[in-house]
């Protein structure tokens, strides 16, 4: 109930008015039945814009930190995500990833749309990063199509760290569904999972026209943070 209240009354109309998103390829999203919508992730506002324009309800796997933040802001954020039916995902390790896959498969088993960002985190610089194979595992195990999606302009509208978005044109572009039925029963093959994931990321890249980085975003973020720390607090030379 709260999901549809947000979508049609509280948040959806406001988002459409503020961002005036241009939608392309919406007919590529199946009108019924289970499917995965896999997109790039440039901004916190992505969580709201895509559900606002889709005709069907979509459930996202959202990072667990959105549900455990401190203070009033943290409680409000957690309330929003829970009320909107989003699923918290612990990103701390392999076992946590298995839980996320199980939760995602549960959504698909009910014939619903599942939203996922294969990069695993927001892009900190607007580039598209290497995808994690969880999306491939779910697509093959559930036997569902994957609809690639590109969010364009949301990085400029609300870059990392910015609370109040800028007024900036946004395009939401959906590609044709990707069929991976040729890999049925091969969801335990690492090479197959990598190939499926790379095909999904290439489809997203073709839609978004971003610069691609063949590394995981989280790894690059950690390396850059370490370099920044080293510049601020350089190690004393050994005597």
C-alpha atoms as a PDB file:
ATOM      1  CA  UNK A   1       0.000   0.000   0.000  1.00  0.00           C
ATOM      2  CA  UNK A   2       2.721   2.496   0.973  1.00  0.00           C
ATOM      3  CA  UNK A   3       4.622   1.664  -2.226  1.00  0.00           C
ATOM      4  CA  UNK A   4       1.721   2.824  -4.388  1.00  0.00           C
ATOM      5  CA  UNK A   5       1.083   5.833  -2.159  1.00  0.00           C
ATOM      6  CA  UNK A   6       4.682   6.920  -2.752  1.00  0.00           C
ATOM      7  CA  UNK A   7       4.555   6.143  -6.453  1.00  0.00           C
ATOM      8  CA  UNK A   8       1.314   7.881  -7.367  1.00  0.00           C
ATOM      9  CA  UNK A   9       0.713  10.484  -4.640  1.00  0.00           C
ATOM     10  CA  UNK A  10       3.686  11.467  -2.482  1.00  0.00           C
ATOM     11  CA  UNK A  11       6.940  11.023  -4.387  1.00  0.00           C
ATOM     12  CA  UNK A  12       6.268   9.987  -7.973  1.00  0.00           C
ATOM     13  CA  UNK A  13       4.607  13.220  -9.176  1.00  0.00           C
ATOM     14  CA  UNK A  14       7.286  15.318  -7.444  1.00  0.00           C
ATOM     15  CA  UNK A  15      10.094  13.380  -9.127  1.00  0.00           C
ATOM     16  CA  UNK A  16       8.481  13.688 -12.532  1.00  0.00           C
ATOM     17  CA  UNK A  17       8.029  17.411 -12.053  1.00  0.00           C
ATOM     18  CA  UNK A  18      11.575  18.010 -10.774  1.00  0.00           C
ATOM     19  CA  UNK A  19      13.516  15.803 -13.181  1.00  0.00           C
ATOM     20  CA  UNK A  20      11.112  15.586 -16.151  1.00  0.00           C
ATOM     21  CA  UNK A  21      12.695  12.267 -17.145  1.00  0.00           C
ATOM     22  CA  UNK A  22      12.595  11.194 -20.772  1.00  0.00           C
ATOM     23  CA  UNK A  23      11.772   7.508 -21.033  1.00  0.00           C
ATOM     24  CA  UNK A  24      13.020   5.369 -23.892  1.00  0.00           C
ATOM     25  CA  UNK A  25      12.292   1.704 -24.554  1.00  0.00           C
ATOM     26  CA  UNK A  26       9.718   1.233 -21.808  1.00  0.00           C
ATOM     27  CA  UNK A  27       8.008  -1.332 -24.038  1.00  0.00           C
ATOM     28  CA  UNK A  28      11.030  -3.597 -23.471  1.00  0.00           C
ATOM     29  CA  UNK A  29      10.009  -4.190 -19.850  1.00  0.00           C
ATOM     30  CA  UNK A  30       7.707  -7.266 -19.783  1.00  0.00           C
ATOM     31  CA  UNK A  31       4.113  -6.402 -18.917  1.00  0.00           C
ATOM     32  CA  UNK A  32       3.841  -9.513 -16.759  1.00  0.00           C
ATOM     33  CA  UNK A  33       5.923 -12.359 -15.405  1.00  0.00           C
ATOM     34  CA  UNK A  34       9.290 -12.407 -13.649  1.00  0.00           C
ATOM     35  CA  UNK A  35      12.239 -10.460 -15.035  1.00  0.00           C
ATOM     36  CA  UNK A  36      15.388  -8.746 -13.834  1.00  0.00           C
ATOM     37  CA  UNK A  37      15.995  -5.081 -14.603  1.00  0.00           C
ATOM     38  CA  UNK A  38      19.762  -4.545 -14.425  1.00  0.00           C
ATOM     39  CA  UNK A  39      21.004  -0.969 -14.492  1.00  0.00           C
ATOM     40  CA  UNK A  40      23.958   1.291 -13.967  1.00  0.00           C
ATOM     41  CA  UNK A  41      24.025   3.106 -10.645  1.00  0.00           C
ATOM     42  CA  UNK A  42      25.078   6.747 -10.645  1.00  0.00           C
ATOM     43  CA  UNK A  43      23.031   8.396  -7.916  1.00  0.00           C
ATOM     44  CA  UNK A  44      20.935   7.887  -4.803  1.00  0.00           C
ATOM     45  CA  UNK A  45      18.000   9.213  -6.836  1.00  0.00           C
ATOM     46  CA  UNK A  46      18.156   6.124  -9.102  1.00  0.00           C
ATOM     47  CA  UNK A  47      16.303   4.200  -6.385  1.00  0.00           C
ATOM     48  CA  UNK A  48      13.286   6.457  -6.810  1.00  0.00           C
ATOM     49  CA  UNK A  49      13.257   7.512 -10.446  1.00  0.00           C
ATOM     50  CA  UNK A  50      13.065   4.078 -12.036  1.00  0.00           C
ATOM     51  CA  UNK A  51      10.190   2.816  -9.836  1.00  0.00           C
ATOM     52  CA  UNK A  52       8.368   6.116 -10.431  1.00  0.00           C
ATOM     53  CA  UNK A  53       8.239   5.638 -14.198  1.00  0.00           C
ATOM     54  CA  UNK A  54       7.698   1.879 -14.426  1.00  0.00           C
ATOM     55  CA  UNK A  55       4.137   0.674 -14.844  1.00  0.00           C
ATOM     56  CA  UNK A  56       4.839  -2.401 -12.707  1.00  0.00           C
ATOM     57  CA  UNK A  57       6.106  -2.618  -9.176  1.00  0.00           C
ATOM     58  CA  UNK A  58       9.826  -3.342  -8.911  1.00  0.00           C
ATOM     59  CA  UNK A  59      11.704  -4.584  -5.851  1.00  0.00           C
ATOM     60  CA  UNK A  60      15.350  -3.607  -5.478  1.00  0.00           C
ATOM     61  CA  UNK A  61      18.119  -5.262  -3.551  1.00  0.00           C
ATOM     62  CA  UNK A  62      19.294  -2.278  -1.474  1.00  0.00           C
ATOM     63  CA  UNK A  63      22.448  -2.104   0.618  1.00  0.00           C
ATOM     64  CA  UNK A  64      21.922  -2.951   4.280  1.00  0.00           C
ATOM     65  CA  UNK A  65      23.379   0.398   5.375  1.00  0.00           C
ATOM     66  CA  UNK A  66      20.171   2.093   4.222  1.00  0.00           C
ATOM     67  CA  UNK A  67      18.331   0.160   6.941  1.00  0.00           C
ATOM     68  CA  UNK A  68      20.771   0.668   9.808  1.00  0.00           C
ATOM     69  CA  UNK A  69      21.708   4.357   9.681  1.00  0.00           C
ATOM     70  CA  UNK A  70      21.875   6.278  12.984  1.00  0.00           C
ATOM     71  CA  UNK A  71      19.660   9.128  14.146  1.00  0.00           C
ATOM     72  CA  UNK A  72      16.405  10.487  12.776  1.00  0.00           C
ATOM     73  CA  UNK A  73      17.679  10.500   9.204  1.00  0.00           C
ATOM     74  CA  UNK A  74      18.687   6.844   9.486  1.00  0.00           C
ATOM     75  CA  UNK A  75      15.319   5.816  10.898  1.00  0.00           C
ATOM     76  CA  UNK A  76      13.434   7.723   8.211  1.00  0.00           C
ATOM     77  CA  UNK A  77      15.554   6.174   5.473  1.00  0.00           C
ATOM     78  CA  UNK A  78      15.022   2.678   6.885  1.00  0.00           C
ATOM     79  CA  UNK A  79      11.277   3.287   7.188  1.00  0.00           C
ATOM     80  CA  UNK A  80      11.109   4.449   3.586  1.00  0.00           C
ATOM     81  CA  UNK A  81      12.978   1.475   2.164  1.00  0.00           C
ATOM     82  CA  UNK A  82      11.082  -1.072   4.245  1.00  0.00           C
ATOM     83  CA  UNK A  83       7.712   0.499   3.434  1.00  0.00           C
ATOM     84  CA  UNK A  84       8.578   0.495  -0.267  1.00  0.00           C
ATOM     85  CA  UNK A  85       9.270  -3.243  -0.068  1.00  0.00           C
ATOM     86  CA  UNK A  86      13.007  -3.045  -0.731  1.00  0.00           C
ATOM     87  CA  UNK A  87      15.274  -5.846   0.459  1.00  0.00           C
ATOM     88  CA  UNK A  88      18.391  -5.135   2.571  1.00  0.00           C
ATOM     89  CA  UNK A  89      21.579  -6.755   1.307  1.00  0.00           C
ATOM     90  CA  UNK A  90      24.702  -7.282   3.400  1.00  0.00           C
ATOM     91  CA  UNK A  91      27.667  -6.748   1.052  1.00  0.00           C
ATOM     92  CA  UNK A  92      30.340  -7.920   3.477  1.00  0.00           C
ATOM     93  CA  UNK A  93      31.261 -11.269   1.942  1.00  0.00           C
ATOM     94  CA  UNK A  94      30.475 -14.375  -0.108  1.00  0.00           C
ATOM     95  CA  UNK A  95      27.944 -15.739   2.383  1.00  0.00           C
ATOM     96  CA  UNK A  96      26.128 -12.398   2.387  1.00  0.00           C
ATOM     97  CA  UNK A  97      26.018 -12.530  -1.403  1.00  0.00           C
ATOM     98  CA  UNK A  98      24.352 -15.933  -1.253  1.00  0.00           C
ATOM     99  CA  UNK A  99      21.649 -14.510   1.001  1.00  0.00           C
ATOM    100  CA  UNK A 100      21.061 -11.693  -1.488  1.00  0.00           C
ATOM    101  CA  UNK A 101      20.703 -14.206  -4.318  1.00  0.00           C
ATOM    102  CA  UNK A 102      18.208 -16.221  -2.298  1.00  0.00           C
ATOM    103  CA  UNK A 103      16.165 -13.094  -1.570  1.00  0.00           C
ATOM    104  CA  UNK A 104      16.246 -12.069  -5.226  1.00  0.00           C
ATOM    105  CA  UNK A 105      15.122 -15.505  -6.375  1.00  0.00           C
ATOM    106  CA  UNK A 106      12.242 -15.247  -3.907  1.00  0.00           C
ATOM    107  CA  UNK A 107      11.042 -12.077  -5.627  1.00  0.00           C
ATOM    108  CA  UNK A 108      11.304 -13.694  -9.061  1.00  0.00           C
ATOM    109  CA  UNK A 109       9.492 -16.845  -7.900  1.00  0.00           C
ATOM    110  CA  UNK A 110       6.446 -14.664  -7.225  1.00  0.00           C
ATOM    111  CA  UNK A 111       6.419 -13.459 -10.837  1.00  0.00           C
ATOM    112  CA  UNK A 112       7.652  -9.973  -9.979  1.00  0.00           C
ATOM    113  CA  UNK A 113      10.255  -7.542 -11.296  1.00  0.00           C
ATOM    114  CA  UNK A 114      13.610  -7.512  -9.524  1.00  0.00           C
ATOM    115  CA  UNK A 115      15.880  -4.481  -9.800  1.00  0.00           C
ATOM    116  CA  UNK A 116      19.614  -4.874  -9.359  1.00  0.00           C
ATOM    117  CA  UNK A 117      22.768  -2.843  -9.909  1.00  0.00           C
ATOM    118  CA  UNK A 118      25.411  -5.379 -11.029  1.00  0.00           C
ATOM    119  CA  UNK A 119      28.261  -2.990 -10.134  1.00  0.00           C
ATOM    120  CA  UNK A 120      27.334  -3.542  -6.486  1.00  0.00           C
ATOM    121  CA  UNK A 121      27.699   0.107  -5.504  1.00  0.00           C
ATOM    122  CA  UNK A 122      27.227   3.609  -6.883  1.00  0.00           C
ATOM    123  CA  UNK A 123      29.769   4.874  -9.358  1.00  0.00           C
ATOM    124  CA  UNK A 124      31.817   7.562  -7.624  1.00  0.00           C
ATOM    125  CA  UNK A 125      33.007   9.191 -10.852  1.00  0.00           C
ATOM    126  CA  UNK A 126      30.288   8.564 -13.429  1.00  0.00           C
ATOM    127  CA  UNK A 127      32.057   5.662 -15.144  1.00  0.00           C
ATOM    128  CA  UNK A 128      30.649   2.145 -15.569  1.00  0.00           C
ATOM    129  CA  UNK A 129      32.461  -0.567 -13.632  1.00  0.00           C
ATOM    130  CA  UNK A 130      32.784  -4.334 -13.871  1.00  0.00           C
ATOM    131  CA  UNK A 131      29.655  -6.255 -12.888  1.00  0.00           C
ATOM    132  CA  UNK A 132      29.434  -8.867 -10.165  1.00  0.00           C
ATOM    133  CA  UNK A 133      28.126 -12.283 -11.188  1.00  0.00           C
ATOM    134  CA  UNK A 134      25.156 -12.429  -8.789  1.00  0.00           C
ATOM    135  CA  UNK A 135      22.869 -11.086 -11.514  1.00  0.00           C
ATOM    136  CA  UNK A 136      23.909 -13.965 -13.781  1.00  0.00           C
ATOM    137  CA  UNK A 137      23.301 -16.550 -11.057  1.00  0.00           C
ATOM    138  CA  UNK A 138      19.762 -15.281 -10.522  1.00  0.00           C
ATOM    139  CA  UNK A 139      18.987 -15.004 -14.234  1.00  0.00           C
ATOM    140  CA  UNK A 140      20.086 -18.589 -14.905  1.00  0.00           C
ATOM    141  CA  UNK A 141      18.585 -20.171 -11.793  1.00  0.00           C
ATOM    142  CA  UNK A 142      15.229 -18.454 -12.276  1.00  0.00           C
ATOM    143  CA  UNK A 143      15.307 -18.764 -16.070  1.00  0.00           C
ATOM    144  CA  UNK A 144      14.191 -15.156 -16.537  1.00  0.00           C
ATOM    145  CA  UNK A 145      15.085 -12.429 -19.042  1.00  0.00           C
ATOM    146  CA  UNK A 146      17.323  -9.533 -18.072  1.00  0.00           C
ATOM    147  CA  UNK A 147      16.315  -6.044 -19.194  1.00  0.00           C
ATOM    148  CA  UNK A 148      19.328  -3.697 -19.352  1.00  0.00           C
ATOM    149  CA  UNK A 149      18.675  -0.161 -18.169  1.00  0.00           C
ATOM    150  CA  UNK A 150      20.729   3.034 -18.364  1.00  0.00           C
ATOM    151  CA  UNK A 151      20.212   6.001 -16.077  1.00  0.00           C
ATOM    152  CA  UNK A 152      21.605   9.051 -17.868  1.00  0.00           C
ATOM    153  CA  UNK A 153      22.042  12.422 -16.168  1.00  0.00           C
ATOM    154  CA  UNK A 154      21.381  11.303 -12.595  1.00  0.00           C
ATOM    155  CA  UNK A 155      25.081  11.645 -11.701  1.00  0.00           C
ATOM    156  CA  UNK A 156      24.948  15.322 -12.662  1.00  0.00           C
ATOM    157  CA  UNK A 157      21.581  15.746 -10.959  1.00  0.00           C
ATOM    158  CA  UNK A 158      22.710  14.225  -7.660  1.00  0.00           C
ATOM    159  CA  UNK A 159      26.390  13.275  -7.464  1.00  0.00           C
ATOM    160  CA  UNK A 160      27.708  11.425  -4.385  1.00  0.00           C
ATOM    161  CA  UNK A 161      27.444  13.539  -1.239  1.00  0.00           C
ATOM    162  CA  UNK A 162      24.835  15.955  -2.586  1.00  0.00           C
ATOM    163  CA  UNK A 163      21.589  15.899  -0.585  1.00  0.00           C
ATOM    164  CA  UNK A 164      19.406  18.275  -2.600  1.00  0.00           C
ATOM    165  CA  UNK A 165      19.462  17.347  -6.312  1.00  0.00           C
ATOM    166  CA  UNK A 166      20.311  19.782  -9.096  1.00  0.00           C
ATOM    167  CA  UNK A 167      17.788  20.447 -11.814  1.00  0.00           C
ATOM    168  CA  UNK A 168      19.265  18.464 -14.683  1.00  0.00           C
ATOM    169  CA  UNK A 169      17.694  16.553 -17.588  1.00  0.00           C
ATOM    170  CA  UNK A 170      17.467  12.813 -17.014  1.00  0.00           C
ATOM    171  CA  UNK A 171      16.992   9.992 -19.510  1.00  0.00           C
ATOM    172  CA  UNK A 172      15.973   6.471 -18.491  1.00  0.00           C
ATOM    173  CA  UNK A 173      16.647   4.037 -21.311  1.00  0.00           C
ATOM    174  CA  UNK A 174      15.615   0.360 -21.413  1.00  0.00           C
ATOM    175  CA  UNK A 175      17.139  -2.115 -23.846  1.00  0.00           C
ATOM    176  CA  UNK A 176      15.692  -5.274 -25.325  1.00  0.00           C
ATOM    177  CA  UNK A 177      15.440  -8.215 -22.905  1.00  0.00           C
ATOM    178  CA  UNK A 178      18.444 -10.532 -22.900  1.00  0.00           C
ATOM    179  CA  UNK A 179      17.659 -14.256 -23.115  1.00  0.00           C
ATOM    180  CA  UNK A 180      20.147 -16.604 -21.468  1.00  0.00           C
ATOM    181  CA  UNK A 181      18.162 -19.831 -21.813  1.00  0.00           C
ATOM    182  CA  UNK A 182      21.072 -21.268 -23.830  1.00  0.00           C
ATOM    183  CA  UNK A 183      22.969 -21.496 -20.547  1.00  0.00           C
ATOM    184  CA  UNK A 184      20.225 -23.356 -18.644  1.00  0.00           C
ATOM    185  CA  UNK A 185      21.668 -25.628 -15.957  1.00  0.00           C
ATOM    186  CA  UNK A 186      25.100 -23.985 -16.107  1.00  0.00           C
ATOM    187  CA  UNK A 187      24.697 -21.555 -13.209  1.00  0.00           C
ATOM    188  CA  UNK A 188      27.615 -23.180 -11.351  1.00  0.00           C
ATOM    189  CA  UNK A 189      30.083 -22.647 -14.190  1.00  0.00           C
ATOM    190  CA  UNK A 190      32.286 -19.666 -13.360  1.00  0.00           C
ATOM    191  CA  UNK A 191      33.174 -18.963 -16.986  1.00  0.00           C
ATOM    192  CA  UNK A 192      29.500 -18.949 -17.962  1.00  0.00           C
ATOM    193  CA  UNK A 193      28.570 -16.593 -15.125  1.00  0.00           C
ATOM    194  CA  UNK A 194      31.345 -14.210 -16.137  1.00  0.00           C
ATOM    195  CA  UNK A 195      30.255 -14.319 -19.781  1.00  0.00           C
ATOM    196  CA  UNK A 196      26.599 -13.659 -18.913  1.00  0.00           C
ATOM    197  CA  UNK A 197      27.510 -10.800 -16.586  1.00  0.00           C
ATOM    198  CA  UNK A 198      29.807  -9.227 -19.167  1.00  0.00           C
ATOM    199  CA  UNK A 199      27.057  -9.439 -21.793  1.00  0.00           C
ATOM    200  CA  UNK A 200      24.673  -7.647 -19.430  1.00  0.00           C
ATOM    201  CA  UNK A 201      27.246  -4.954 -18.673  1.00  0.00           C
ATOM    202  CA  UNK A 202      27.984  -4.464 -22.369  1.00  0.00           C
ATOM    203  CA  UNK A 203      24.254  -3.969 -23.025  1.00  0.00           C
ATOM    204  CA  UNK A 204      24.121  -1.352 -20.241  1.00  0.00           C
ATOM    205  CA  UNK A 205      27.239   0.304 -21.642  1.00  0.00           C
ATOM    206  CA  UNK A 206      25.712   0.484 -25.131  1.00  0.00           C
ATOM    207  CA  UNK A 207      22.671   2.250 -23.675  1.00  0.00           C
ATOM    208  CA  UNK A 208      24.494   4.608 -21.316  1.00  0.00           C
ATOM    209  CA  UNK A 209      27.569   5.384 -23.455  1.00  0.00           C
ATOM    210  CA  UNK A 210      29.660   5.690 -20.290  1.00  0.00           C
ATOM    211  CA  UNK A 211      33.379   5.109 -20.075  1.00  0.00           C
ATOM    212  CA  UNK A 212      33.953   1.500 -18.988  1.00  0.00           C
ATOM    213  CA  UNK A 213      36.441   0.377 -16.322  1.00  0.00           C
ATOM    214  CA  UNK A 214      37.256  -3.341 -16.174  1.00  0.00           C
ATOM    215  CA  UNK A 215      37.617  -3.312 -12.386  1.00  0.00           C
ATOM    216  CA  UNK A 216      35.173  -3.554  -9.526  1.00  0.00           C
ATOM    217  CA  UNK A 217      34.011  -0.145  -8.340  1.00  0.00           C
ATOM    218  CA  UNK A 218      34.497  -1.035  -4.677  1.00  0.00           C
ATOM    219  CA  UNK A 219      38.149  -1.960  -5.313  1.00  0.00           C
ATOM    220  CA  UNK A 220      38.843   1.282  -7.163  1.00  0.00           C
ATOM    221  CA  UNK A 221      37.140   3.301  -4.413  1.00  0.00           C
ATOM    222  CA  UNK A 222      39.254   1.592  -1.750  1.00  0.00           C
ATOM    223  CA  UNK A 223      42.474   2.171  -3.697  1.00  0.00           C
ATOM    224  CA  UNK A 224      41.693   5.847  -4.222  1.00  0.00           C
ATOM    225  CA  UNK A 225      40.785   6.292  -0.550  1.00  0.00           C
ATOM    226  CA  UNK A 226      44.089   4.696   0.464  1.00  0.00           C
ATOM    227  CA  UNK A 227      46.019   6.972  -1.916  1.00  0.00           C
ATOM    228  CA  UNK A 228      44.222  10.019  -0.555  1.00  0.00           C
ATOM    229  CA  UNK A 229      45.032   8.988   3.015  1.00  0.00           C
ATOM    230  CA  UNK A 230      48.666   8.448   2.080  1.00  0.00           C
ATOM    231  CA  UNK A 231      48.877  11.951   0.601  1.00  0.00           C
ATOM    232  CA  UNK A 232      47.369  13.473   3.733  1.00  0.00           C
ATOM    233  CA  UNK A 233      49.414  11.412   6.148  1.00  0.00           C
ATOM    234  CA  UNK A 234      52.597  10.356   4.348  1.00  0.00           C
ATOM    235  CA  UNK A 235      54.714   7.736   6.029  1.00  0.00           C
ATOM    236  CA  UNK A 236      57.927   8.964   7.579  1.00  0.00           C
ATOM    237  CA  UNK A 237      61.007   7.761   5.668  1.00  0.00           C
ATOM    238  CA  UNK A 238      62.970   4.976   7.291  1.00  0.00           C
ATOM    239  CA  UNK A 239      66.273   6.176   8.753  1.00  0.00           C
END
